Amino acid sequence: MLQANNKREFGDFKRDRCFEILGFDVIIDDKYKPWLLEINFMPAFHCASPVDKIIKSGVIIESFHLTNIDLETKE
C-alpha cells in the first residue's frame, strides 16, 4: 500500500529519483564537544585541497549508491 501511494505521488522509483545533500558545519571545542554552527542547504562542492576532494567525492558517490543509481549506465 505504501509503495503504491509513493508511486502515485513521486513517479516511478526506477526512473525518477531525487535527494538533497546538506552541509553541516561543526566546530569541536577544547573538551572535544561538537557544536553545530550551521546547516547549508546548498553546500559548495569545489575542492580547495586533496583532502577536500576525497571527502566531497565520497559524499557524491555514496549519494548515488543510496539512490540505487548505476554510475556506469546512468540508470
Protein backbone atom coordinates (compact mmCIF):
# COMPACT_ATOMS: atom_id res chain seq x y z
CA MET A 1 0.00 0.00 0.00
CA LEU A 2 2.76 2.45 0.93
CA GLN A 3 4.65 1.69 -2.27
CA ALA A 4 1.54 2.28 -4.36
CA ASN A 5 1.00 5.67 -2.69
CA ASN A 6 4.64 6.64 -3.20
CA LYS A 7 4.50 5.63 -6.86
CA ARG A 8 1.41 7.75 -7.39
CA GLU A 9 2.89 10.76 -5.60
CA PHE A 10 6.52 10.55 -6.69
CA GLY A 11 6.56 8.69 -10.00
CA ASP A 12 8.37 5.52 -10.99
CA PHE A 13 11.15 4.81 -8.49
CA LYS A 14 13.22 3.02 -11.15
CA ARG A 15 13.29 6.11 -13.31
CA ASP A 16 12.63 9.14 -11.09
CA ARG A 17 14.94 9.69 -8.12
CA CYS A 18 15.69 12.75 -6.08
CA PHE A 19 17.69 13.58 -2.99
CA GLU A 20 19.24 16.55 -1.26
CA ILE A 21 22.70 16.88 0.22
CA LEU A 22 23.01 19.14 3.25
CA GLY A 23 26.27 20.56 4.59
CA PHE A 24 26.73 20.57 8.37
CA ASP A 25 29.34 22.97 9.76
CA VAL A 26 30.60 21.77 13.12
CA ILE A 27 33.34 23.05 15.40
CA ILE A 28 34.91 20.99 18.19
CA ASP A 29 35.90 22.75 21.41
CA ASP A 30 38.90 22.05 23.65
CA LYS A 31 36.92 19.37 25.51
CA TYR A 32 36.11 17.62 22.19
CA LYS A 33 32.47 18.63 22.38
CA PRO A 34 30.96 19.24 18.91
CA TRP A 35 28.96 22.41 18.31
CA LEU A 36 26.69 22.79 15.30
CA LEU A 37 27.36 26.15 13.64
CA GLU A 38 25.02 25.98 10.66
CA ILE A 39 23.36 23.72 8.13
CA ASN A 40 23.76 24.61 4.46
CA PHE A 41 21.05 23.56 2.05
CA MET A 42 23.37 24.21 -0.94
CA PRO A 43 26.89 23.18 0.15
CA ALA A 44 29.79 24.00 -2.16
CA PHE A 45 31.44 21.10 -3.95
CA HIS A 46 34.53 22.86 -5.29
CA CYS A 47 37.71 21.40 -3.83
CA ALA A 48 40.43 23.51 -2.26
CA SER A 49 42.72 20.63 -1.22
CA PRO A 50 43.34 16.93 -1.90
CA VAL A 51 41.58 16.01 1.36
CA ASP A 52 38.60 18.16 0.36
CA LYS A 53 38.39 16.30 -2.96
CA ILE A 54 38.47 12.89 -1.26
CA ILE A 55 35.71 13.80 1.20
CA LYS A 56 33.40 15.54 -1.28
CA SER A 57 33.85 12.88 -3.98
CA GLY A 58 32.89 10.24 -1.41
CA VAL A 59 29.75 12.15 -0.47
CA ILE A 60 28.64 12.38 -4.09
CA ILE A 61 29.42 8.74 -4.89
CA GLU A 62 27.64 7.46 -1.76
CA SER A 63 24.62 9.64 -2.58
CA PHE A 64 24.31 7.89 -5.93
CA HIS A 65 24.67 4.49 -4.24
CA LEU A 66 21.90 5.34 -1.75
CA THR A 67 19.52 6.15 -4.58
CA ASN A 68 20.50 2.97 -6.49
CA ILE A 69 21.77 4.98 -9.46
CA ASP A 70 24.21 2.96 -11.55
CA LEU A 71 27.08 5.31 -12.40
CA GLU A 72 28.07 3.22 -15.44
CA THR A 73 24.68 3.05 -17.18
CA LYS A 74 23.23 6.19 -15.54
CA GLU A 75 20.07 4.23 -14.62
